[in-house]
Amino acid sequence: MTFTGGYPFASGSTVTLEVGGQDFQLFTEGDWAWPATPQDDAAIVTAMKRGADAVLTGRSGRGTQTKDTFSLLGFTAAVDEAAKRCTS
C-alpha cells in the first residue's frame, strides 16, 4: 500500500493512517508514503478490508497539515479481483 499526497511531505515526517480505530504510521520520501514492513502492509490491508473509511493525515514541506478521507467501499472486491488476475 502506498499513498501520495500530491505534494512533498516534510522531511523526516510520517503520515498517520487511521482505519477502524487503528492507527498506522507510514514513512515518507518526497510525495510518497508507505508502511515500514511487509507485516505492516498486511495489517493495513486487513484493516482496510474491515473498515469503512481510511483517514490519512500528513504534513507538507511547508508545514501545512492535511487530512484526506477515503471511502473503502469496494476495497475488498478490488483487492480480491487484483489477486485473482495476478495469479492467472
PDB file of N, CA and C in Angstrom:
ATOM      1  N   MET A   1       0.838  -1.153   0.000  1.00  0.00           N
ATOM      2  CA  MET A   1       0.000   0.000   0.000  1.00  0.00           C
ATOM      3  C   MET A   1       0.892   1.229   0.000  1.00  0.00           C
ATOM      4  N   THR A   2       0.662   2.146  -0.914  1.00  0.00           N
ATOM      5  CA  THR A   2       1.369   3.421  -0.919  1.00  0.00           C
ATOM      6  C   THR A   2       0.345   4.529  -1.038  1.00  0.00           C
ATOM      7  N   PHE A   3       0.781   5.720  -0.662  1.00  0.00           N
ATOM      8  CA  PHE A   3      -0.087   6.889  -0.726  1.00  0.00           C
ATOM      9  C   PHE A   3       0.734   8.057  -1.218  1.00  0.00           C
ATOM     10  N   THR A   4       0.159   8.860  -2.098  1.00  0.00           N
ATOM     11  CA  THR A   4       0.789  10.102  -2.500  1.00  0.00           C
ATOM     12  C   THR A   4      -0.151  11.243  -2.149  1.00  0.00           C
ATOM     13  N   GLY A   5       0.398  12.216  -1.468  1.00  0.00           N
ATOM     14  CA  GLY A   5      -0.402  13.359  -1.054  1.00  0.00           C
ATOM     15  C   GLY A   5      -0.541  14.407  -2.139  1.00  0.00           C
ATOM     16  N   GLY A   6       0.263  14.278  -3.200  1.00  0.00           N
ATOM     17  CA  GLY A   6       0.225  15.273  -4.266  1.00  0.00           C
ATOM     18  C   GLY A   6       1.078  16.489  -3.947  1.00  0.00           C
ATOM     19  N   TYR A   7       1.875  16.400  -2.906  1.00  0.00           N
ATOM     20  CA  TYR A   7       2.800  17.460  -2.501  1.00  0.00           C
ATOM     21  C   TYR A   7       3.945  16.794  -1.752  1.00  0.00           C
ATOM     22  N   PRO A   8       5.097  17.439  -1.662  1.00  0.00           N
ATOM     23  CA  PRO A   8       6.202  16.837  -0.901  1.00  0.00           C
ATOM     24  C   PRO A   8       5.911  16.885   0.600  1.00  0.00           C
ATOM     25  N   PHE A   9       6.048  15.737   1.236  1.00  0.00           N
ATOM     26  CA  PHE A   9       5.890  15.686   2.687  1.00  0.00           C
ATOM     27  C   PHE A   9       7.108  16.316   3.355  1.00  0.00           C
ATOM     28  N   ALA A  10       6.921  16.768   4.583  1.00  0.00           N
ATOM     29  CA  ALA A  10       8.029  17.335   5.350  1.00  0.00           C
ATOM     30  C   ALA A  10       9.109  16.274   5.525  1.00  0.00           C
ATOM     31  N   SER A  11      10.342  16.671   5.375  1.00  0.00           N
ATOM     32  CA  SER A  11      11.468  15.751   5.515  1.00  0.00           C
ATOM     33  C   SER A  11      11.448  15.082   6.886  1.00  0.00           C
ATOM     34  N   GLY A  12      11.578  13.751   6.889  1.00  0.00           N
ATOM     35  CA  GLY A  12      11.613  13.003   8.136  1.00  0.00           C
ATOM     36  C   GLY A  12      10.272  12.818   8.811  1.00  0.00           C
ATOM     37  N   SER A  13       9.200  13.255   8.166  1.00  0.00           N
ATOM     38  CA  SER A  13       7.863  13.139   8.782  1.00  0.00           C
ATOM     39  C   SER A  13       7.246  11.786   8.465  1.00  0.00           C
ATOM     40  N   THR A  14       6.166  11.481   9.147  1.00  0.00           N
ATOM     41  CA  THR A  14       5.376  10.295   8.859  1.00  0.00           C
ATOM     42  C   THR A  14       3.957  10.736   8.542  1.00  0.00           C
ATOM     43  N   VAL A  15       3.216   9.855   7.907  1.00  0.00           N
ATOM     44  CA  VAL A  15       1.797  10.047   7.640  1.00  0.00           C
ATOM     45  C   VAL A  15       1.054   9.065   8.541  1.00  0.00           C
ATOM     46  N   THR A  16       0.022   9.530   9.198  1.00  0.00           N
ATOM     47  CA  THR A  16      -0.799   8.659  10.026  1.00  0.00           C
ATOM     48  C   THR A  16      -1.980   8.175   9.203  1.00  0.00           C
ATOM     49  N   LEU A  17      -2.172   6.878   9.183  1.00  0.00           N
ATOM     50  CA  LEU A  17      -3.316   6.255   8.529  1.00  0.00           C
ATOM     51  C   LEU A  17      -4.195   5.681   9.629  1.00  0.00           C
ATOM     52  N   GLU A  18      -5.450   6.120   9.680  1.00  0.00           N
ATOM     53  CA  GLU A  18      -6.403   5.621  10.681  1.00  0.00           C
ATOM     54  C   GLU A  18      -7.496   4.868   9.948  1.00  0.00           C
ATOM     55  N   VAL A  19      -7.684   3.604  10.345  1.00  0.00           N
ATOM     56  CA  VAL A  19      -8.731   2.766   9.764  1.00  0.00           C
ATOM     57  C   VAL A  19      -9.395   2.008  10.902  1.00  0.00           C
ATOM     58  N   GLY A  20     -10.687   2.201  11.072  1.00  0.00           N
ATOM     59  CA  GLY A  20     -11.438   1.445  12.064  1.00  0.00           C
ATOM     60  C   GLY A  20     -10.887   1.549  13.473  1.00  0.00           C
ATOM     61  N   GLY A  21     -10.402   2.710  13.847  1.00  0.00           N
ATOM     62  CA  GLY A  21      -9.867   2.911  15.194  1.00  0.00           C
ATOM     63  C   GLY A  21      -8.421   2.482  15.366  1.00  0.00           C
ATOM     64  N   GLN A  22      -7.806   1.941  14.328  1.00  0.00           N
ATOM     65  CA  GLN A  22      -6.399   1.557  14.369  1.00  0.00           C
ATOM     66  C   GLN A  22      -5.573   2.621  13.668  1.00  0.00           C
ATOM     67  N   ASP A  23      -4.433   2.987  14.271  1.00  0.00           N
ATOM     68  CA  ASP A  23      -3.512   3.943  13.655  1.00  0.00           C
ATOM     69  C   ASP A  23      -2.271   3.223  13.152  1.00  0.00           C
ATOM     70  N   PHE A  24      -1.836   3.604  11.969  1.00  0.00           N
ATOM     71  CA  PHE A  24      -0.616   3.075  11.361  1.00  0.00           C
ATOM     72  C   PHE A  24       0.249   4.268  10.954  1.00  0.00           C
ATOM     73  N   GLN A  25       1.560   4.124  11.083  1.00  0.00           N
ATOM     74  CA  GLN A  25       2.488   5.168  10.664  1.00  0.00           C
ATOM     75  C   GLN A  25       3.113   4.774   9.334  1.00  0.00           C
ATOM     76  N   LEU A  26       3.058   5.682   8.373  1.00  0.00           N
ATOM     77  CA  LEU A  26       3.663   5.474   7.068  1.00  0.00           C
ATOM     78  C   LEU A  26       4.877   6.389   6.956  1.00  0.00           C
ATOM     79  N   PHE A  27       5.978   5.859   6.488  1.00  0.00           N
ATOM     80  CA  PHE A  27       7.191   6.642   6.299  1.00  0.00           C
ATOM     81  C   PHE A  27       7.112   7.376   4.979  1.00  0.00           C
ATOM     82  N   THR A  28       7.780   8.509   4.885  1.00  0.00           N
ATOM     83  CA  THR A  28       7.654   9.349   3.702  1.00  0.00           C
ATOM     84  C   THR A  28       8.997   9.594   3.025  1.00  0.00           C
ATOM     85  N   GLU A  29       8.885   9.843   1.723  1.00  0.00           N
ATOM     86  CA  GLU A  29      10.012  10.330   0.924  1.00  0.00           C
ATOM     87  C   GLU A  29       9.410  11.086  -0.246  1.00  0.00           C
ATOM     88  N   GLY A  30       9.702  12.364  -0.318  1.00  0.00           N
ATOM     89  CA  GLY A  30       9.109  13.180  -1.374  1.00  0.00           C
ATOM     90  C   GLY A  30       7.599  13.221  -1.236  1.00  0.00           C
ATOM     91  N   ASP A  31       6.910  12.861  -2.310  1.00  0.00           N
ATOM     92  CA  ASP A  31       5.443  12.875  -2.337  1.00  0.00           C
ATOM     93  C   ASP A  31       4.816  11.570  -1.851  1.00  0.00           C
ATOM     94  N   TRP A  32       5.616  10.573  -1.502  1.00  0.00           N
ATOM     95  CA  TRP A  32       5.115   9.227  -1.246  1.00  0.00           C
ATOM     96  C   TRP A  32       5.209   8.825   0.212  1.00  0.00           C
ATOM     97  N   ALA A  33       4.272   7.952   0.635  1.00  0.00           N
ATOM     98  CA  ALA A  33       4.271   7.377   1.984  1.00  0.00           C
ATOM     99  C   ALA A  33       3.946   5.893   1.864  1.00  0.00           C
ATOM    100  N   TRP A  34       4.590   5.074   2.706  1.00  0.00           N
ATOM    101  CA  TRP A  34       4.366   3.635   2.654  1.00  0.00           C
ATOM    102  C   TRP A  34       4.689   3.007   3.998  1.00  0.00           C
ATOM    103  N   PRO A  35       4.169   1.785   4.247  1.00  0.00           N
ATOM    104  CA  PRO A  35       4.453   1.086   5.503  1.00  0.00           C
ATOM    105  C   PRO A  35       5.923   0.672   5.577  1.00  0.00           C
ATOM    106  N   ALA A  36       6.413   0.481   6.793  1.00  0.00           N
ATOM    107  CA  ALA A  36       7.821   0.152   7.010  1.00  0.00           C
ATOM    108  C   ALA A  36       8.153  -1.299   6.667  1.00  0.00           C
ATOM    109  N   THR A  37       7.191  -2.202   6.864  1.00  0.00           N
ATOM    110  CA  THR A  37       7.487  -3.628   6.676  1.00  0.00           C
ATOM    111  C   THR A  37       6.346  -4.309   5.918  1.00  0.00           C
ATOM    112  N   PRO A  38       6.615  -5.468   5.341  1.00  0.00           N
ATOM    113  CA  PRO A  38       5.534  -6.243   4.713  1.00  0.00           C
ATOM    114  C   PRO A  38       4.446  -6.622   5.726  1.00  0.00           C
ATOM    115  N   GLN A  39       4.834  -6.844   6.978  1.00  0.00           N
ATOM    116  CA  GLN A  39       3.858  -7.179   8.014  1.00  0.00           C
ATOM    117  C   GLN A  39       2.924  -5.992   8.276  1.00  0.00           C
ATOM    118  N   ASP A  40       3.481  -4.787   8.317  1.00  0.00           N
ATOM    119  CA  ASP A  40       2.646  -3.595   8.474  1.00  0.00           C
ATOM    120  C   ASP A  40       1.700  -3.449   7.294  1.00  0.00           C
ATOM    121  N   ASP A  41       2.207  -3.696   6.101  1.00  0.00           N
ATOM    122  CA  ASP A  41       1.391  -3.605   4.897  1.00  0.00           C
ATOM    123  C   ASP A  41       0.223  -4.586   4.972  1.00  0.00           C
ATOM    124  N   ALA A  42       0.488  -5.822   5.392  1.00  0.00           N
ATOM    125  CA  ALA A  42      -0.570  -6.835   5.507  1.00  0.00           C
ATOM    126  C   ALA A  42      -1.601  -6.428   6.554  1.00  0.00           C
ATOM    127  N   ALA A  43      -1.147  -5.860   7.675  1.00  0.00           N
ATOM    128  CA  ALA A  43      -2.072  -5.412   8.726  1.00  0.00           C
ATOM    129  C   ALA A  43      -2.953  -4.276   8.215  1.00  0.00           C
ATOM    130  N   ILE A  44      -2.385  -3.395   7.417  1.00  0.00           N
ATOM    131  CA  ILE A  44      -3.157  -2.284   6.845  1.00  0.00           C
ATOM    132  C   ILE A  44      -4.215  -2.811   5.886  1.00  0.00           C
ATOM    133  N   VAL A  45      -3.840  -3.740   5.011  1.00  0.00           N
ATOM    134  CA  VAL A  45      -4.799  -4.305   4.061  1.00  0.00           C
ATOM    135  C   VAL A  45      -5.937  -4.995   4.812  1.00  0.00           C
ATOM    136  N   THR A  46      -5.611  -5.740   5.858  1.00  0.00           N
ATOM    137  CA  THR A  46      -6.645  -6.405   6.663  1.00  0.00           C
ATOM    138  C   THR A  46      -7.580  -5.378   7.278  1.00  0.00           C
ATOM    139  N   ALA A  47      -7.025  -4.310   7.856  1.00  0.00           N
ATOM    140  CA  ALA A  47      -7.852  -3.266   8.457  1.00  0.00           C
ATOM    141  C   ALA A  47      -8.722  -2.583   7.402  1.00  0.00           C
ATOM    142  N   MET A  48      -8.155  -2.341   6.216  1.00  0.00           N
ATOM    143  CA  MET A  48      -8.915  -1.672   5.159  1.00  0.00           C
ATOM    144  C   MET A  48     -10.050  -2.556   4.650  1.00  0.00           C
ATOM    145  N   LYS A  49      -9.861  -3.872   4.641  1.00  0.00           N
ATOM    146  CA  LYS A  49     -10.945  -4.775   4.237  1.00  0.00           C
ATOM    147  C   LYS A  49     -12.101  -4.719   5.222  1.00  0.00           C
ATOM    148  N   ARG A  50     -11.811  -4.458   6.485  1.00  0.00           N
ATOM    149  CA  ARG A  50     -12.844  -4.418   7.528  1.00  0.00           C
ATOM    150  C   ARG A  50     -13.429  -3.024   7.756  1.00  0.00           C
ATOM    151  N   GLY A  51     -12.699  -1.997   7.341  1.00  0.00           N
ATOM    152  CA  GLY A  51     -13.095  -0.627   7.657  1.00  0.00           C
ATOM    153  C   GLY A  51     -14.034  -0.005   6.644  1.00  0.00           C
ATOM    154  N   ALA A  52     -14.593   1.131   7.029  1.00  0.00           N
ATOM    155  CA  ALA A  52     -15.488   1.887   6.149  1.00  0.00           C
ATOM    156  C   ALA A  52     -14.768   3.054   5.482  1.00  0.00           C
ATOM    157  N   ASP A  53     -13.821   3.662   6.201  1.00  0.00           N
ATOM    158  CA  ASP A  53     -13.073   4.822   5.705  1.00  0.00           C
ATOM    159  C   ASP A  53     -11.617   4.706   6.118  1.00  0.00           C
ATOM    160  N   ALA A  54     -10.745   5.326   5.332  1.00  0.00           N
ATOM    161  CA  ALA A  54      -9.335   5.467   5.678  1.00  0.00           C
ATOM    162  C   ALA A  54      -9.056   6.964   5.757  1.00  0.00           C
ATOM    163  N   VAL A  55      -8.440   7.403   6.863  1.00  0.00           N
ATOM    164  CA  VAL A  55      -8.120   8.812   7.052  1.00  0.00           C
ATOM    165  C   VAL A  55      -6.605   8.938   7.133  1.00  0.00           C
ATOM    166  N   LEU A  56      -6.034   9.706   6.224  1.00  0.00           N
ATOM    167  CA  LEU A  56      -4.592   9.917   6.203  1.00  0.00           C
ATOM    168  C   LEU A  56      -4.296  11.360   6.585  1.00  0.00           C
ATOM    169  N   THR A  57      -3.384  11.537   7.528  1.00  0.00           N
ATOM    170  CA  THR A  57      -3.003  12.863   7.989  1.00  0.00           C
ATOM    171  C   THR A  57      -1.507  13.015   7.794  1.00  0.00           C
ATOM    172  N   GLY A  58      -1.116  14.044   7.057  1.00  0.00           N
ATOM    173  CA  GLY A  58       0.301  14.288   6.778  1.00  0.00           C
ATOM    174  C   GLY A  58       0.640  15.755   6.895  1.00  0.00           C
ATOM    175  N   ARG A  59       1.947  16.027   6.856  1.00  0.00           N
ATOM    176  CA  ARG A  59       2.433  17.410   6.950  1.00  0.00           C
ATOM    177  C   ARG A  59       3.320  17.681   5.741  1.00  0.00           C
ATOM    178  N   SER A  60       3.029  18.763   5.056  1.00  0.00           N
ATOM    179  CA  SER A  60       3.779  19.120   3.860  1.00  0.00           C
ATOM    180  C   SER A  60       5.131  19.736   4.236  1.00  0.00           C
ATOM    181  N   GLY A  61       5.968  19.876   3.239  1.00  0.00           N
ATOM    182  CA  GLY A  61       7.254  20.530   3.426  1.00  0.00           C
ATOM    183  C   GLY A  61       7.114  21.968   3.882  1.00  0.00           C
ATOM    184  N   ARG A  62       5.968  22.578   3.651  1.00  0.00           N
ATOM    185  CA  ARG A  62       5.702  23.956   4.101  1.00  0.00           C
ATOM    186  C   ARG A  62       5.167  24.000   5.528  1.00  0.00           C
ATOM    187  N   GLY A  63       4.887  22.805   6.088  1.00  0.00           N
ATOM    188  CA  GLY A  63       4.370  22.737   7.449  1.00  0.00           C
ATOM    189  C   GLY A  63       2.865  22.658   7.555  1.00  0.00           C
ATOM    190  N   THR A  64       2.171  22.634   6.431  1.00  0.00           N
ATOM    191  CA  THR A  64       0.721  22.550   6.421  1.00  0.00           C
ATOM    192  C   THR A  64       0.276  21.126   6.705  1.00  0.00           C
ATOM    193  N   GLN A  65      -0.624  20.953   7.660  1.00  0.00           N
ATOM    194  CA  GLN A  65      -1.178  19.628   7.940  1.00  0.00           C
ATOM    195  C   GLN A  65      -2.392  19.407   7.058  1.00  0.00           C
ATOM    196  N   THR A  66      -2.452  18.231   6.421  1.00  0.00           N
ATOM    197  CA  THR A  66      -3.594  17.888   5.588  1.00  0.00           C
ATOM    198  C   THR A  66      -4.201  16.586   6.080  1.00  0.00           C
ATOM    199  N   LYS A  67      -5.494  16.475   5.866  1.00  0.00           N
ATOM    200  CA  LYS A  67      -6.224  15.279   6.272  1.00  0.00           C
ATOM    201  C   LYS A  67      -7.104  14.871   5.098  1.00  0.00           C
ATOM    202  N   ASP A  68      -6.894  13.661   4.600  1.00  0.00           N
ATOM    203  CA  ASP A  68      -7.658  13.128   3.477  1.00  0.00           C
ATOM    204  C   ASP A  68      -8.448  11.919   3.946  1.00  0.00           C
ATOM    205  N   THR A  69      -9.728  11.869   3.588  1.00  0.00           N
ATOM    206  CA  THR A  69     -10.582  10.743   3.952  1.00  0.00           C
ATOM    207  C   THR A  69     -11.030  10.034   2.682  1.00  0.00           C
ATOM    208  N   PHE A  70     -10.861   8.715   2.685  1.00  0.00           N
ATOM    209  CA  PHE A  70     -11.218   7.888   1.530  1.00  0.00           C
ATOM    210  C   PHE A  70     -12.217   6.828   1.956  1.00  0.00           C
ATOM    211  N   SER A  71     -13.243   6.641   1.158  1.00  0.00           N
ATOM    212  CA  SER A  71     -14.190   5.556   1.381  1.00  0.00           C
ATOM    213  C   SER A  71     -13.517   4.235   1.015  1.00  0.00           C
ATOM    214  N   LEU A  72     -13.782   3.213   1.792  1.00  0.00           N
ATOM    215  CA  LEU A  72     -13.251   1.888   1.498  1.00  0.00           C
ATOM    216  C   LEU A  72     -14.309   0.977   0.876  1.00  0.00           C
ATOM    217  N   LEU A  73     -15.437   1.568   0.493  1.00  0.00           N
ATOM    218  CA  LEU A  73     -16.486   0.811  -0.172  1.00  0.00           C
ATOM    219  C   LEU A  73     -15.921   0.197  -1.453  1.00  0.00           C
ATOM    220  N   GLY A  74     -15.975  -1.097  -1.574  1.00  0.00           N
ATOM    221  CA  GLY A  74     -15.466  -1.799  -2.747  1.00  0.00           C
ATOM    222  C   GLY A  74     -14.005  -2.211  -2.644  1.00  0.00           C
ATOM    223  N   PHE A  75     -13.340  -1.855  -1.542  1.00  0.00           N
ATOM    224  CA  PHE A  75     -11.912  -2.175  -1.402  1.00  0.00           C
ATOM    225  C   PHE A  75     -11.665  -3.683  -1.438  1.00  0.00           C
ATOM    226  N   THR A  76     -12.433  -4.437  -0.663  1.00  0.00           N
ATOM    227  CA  THR A  76     -12.231  -5.884  -0.597  1.00  0.00           C
ATOM    228  C   THR A  76     -12.431  -6.523  -1.968  1.00  0.00           C
ATOM    229  N   ALA A  77     -13.470  -6.128  -2.675  1.00  0.00           N
ATOM    230  CA  ALA A  77     -13.725  -6.686  -4.009  1.00  0.00           C
ATOM    231  C   ALA A  77     -12.582  -6.348  -4.965  1.00  0.00           C
ATOM    232  N   ALA A  78     -12.047  -5.138  -4.875  1.00  0.00           N
ATOM    233  CA  ALA A  78     -10.943  -4.730  -5.750  1.00  0.00           C
ATOM    234  C   ALA A  78      -9.676  -5.525  -5.449  1.00  0.00           C
ATOM    235  N   VAL A  79      -9.351  -5.708  -4.164  1.00  0.00           N
ATOM    236  CA  VAL A  79      -8.160  -6.478  -3.783  1.00  0.00           C
ATOM    237  C   VAL A  79      -8.313  -7.934  -4.215  1.00  0.00           C
ATOM    238  N   ASP A  80      -9.483  -8.500  -3.996  1.00  0.00           N
ATOM    239  CA  ASP A  80      -9.731  -9.893  -4.384  1.00  0.00           C
ATOM    240  C   ASP A  80      -9.621 -10.072  -5.890  1.00  0.00           C
ATOM    241  N   GLU A  81     -10.149  -9.132  -6.655  1.00  0.00           N
ATOM    242  CA  GLU A  81     -10.084  -9.207  -8.115  1.00  0.00           C
ATOM    243  C   GLU A  81      -8.642  -9.061  -8.608  1.00  0.00           C
ATOM    244  N   ALA A  82      -7.873  -8.163  -7.991  1.00  0.00           N
ATOM    245  CA  ALA A  82      -6.466  -8.000  -8.355  1.00  0.00           C
ATOM    246  C   ALA A  82      -5.687  -9.287  -8.075  1.00  0.00           C
ATOM    247  N   ALA A  83      -5.943  -9.891  -6.923  1.00  0.00           N
ATOM    248  CA  ALA A  83      -5.257 -11.147  -6.579  1.00  0.00           C
ATOM    249  C   ALA A  83      -5.605 -12.239  -7.577  1.00  0.00           C
ATOM    250  N   LYS A  84      -6.861 -12.294  -7.968  1.00  0.00           N
ATOM    251  CA  LYS A  84      -7.308 -13.309  -8.925  1.00  0.00           C
ATOM    252  C   LYS A  84      -6.609 -13.110 -10.274  1.00  0.00           C
ATOM    253  N   ARG A  85      -6.526 -11.882 -10.710  1.00  0.00           N
ATOM    254  CA  ARG A  85      -5.920 -11.592 -12.013  1.00  0.00           C
ATOM    255  C   ARG A  85      -4.406 -11.803 -12.001  1.00  0.00           C
ATOM    256  N   CYS A  86      -3.794 -11.585 -10.868  1.00  0.00           N
ATOM    257  CA  CYS A  86      -2.335 -11.731 -10.770  1.00  0.00           C
ATOM    258  C   CYS A  86      -1.902 -13.187 -10.660  1.00  0.00           C
ATOM    259  N   THR A  87      -2.811 -14.086 -10.314  1.00  0.00           N
ATOM    260  CA  THR A  87      -2.454 -15.492 -10.181  1.00  0.00           C
ATOM    261  C   THR A  87      -2.768 -16.294 -11.430  1.00  0.00           C
ATOM    262  N   SER A  88      -3.433 -15.681 -12.388  1.00  0.00           N
ATOM    263  CA  SER A  88      -3.791 -16.445 -13.585  1.00  0.00           C
ATOM    264  C   SER A  88      -2.899 -16.113 -14.754  1.00  0.00           C
TER     265      SER A  88
END
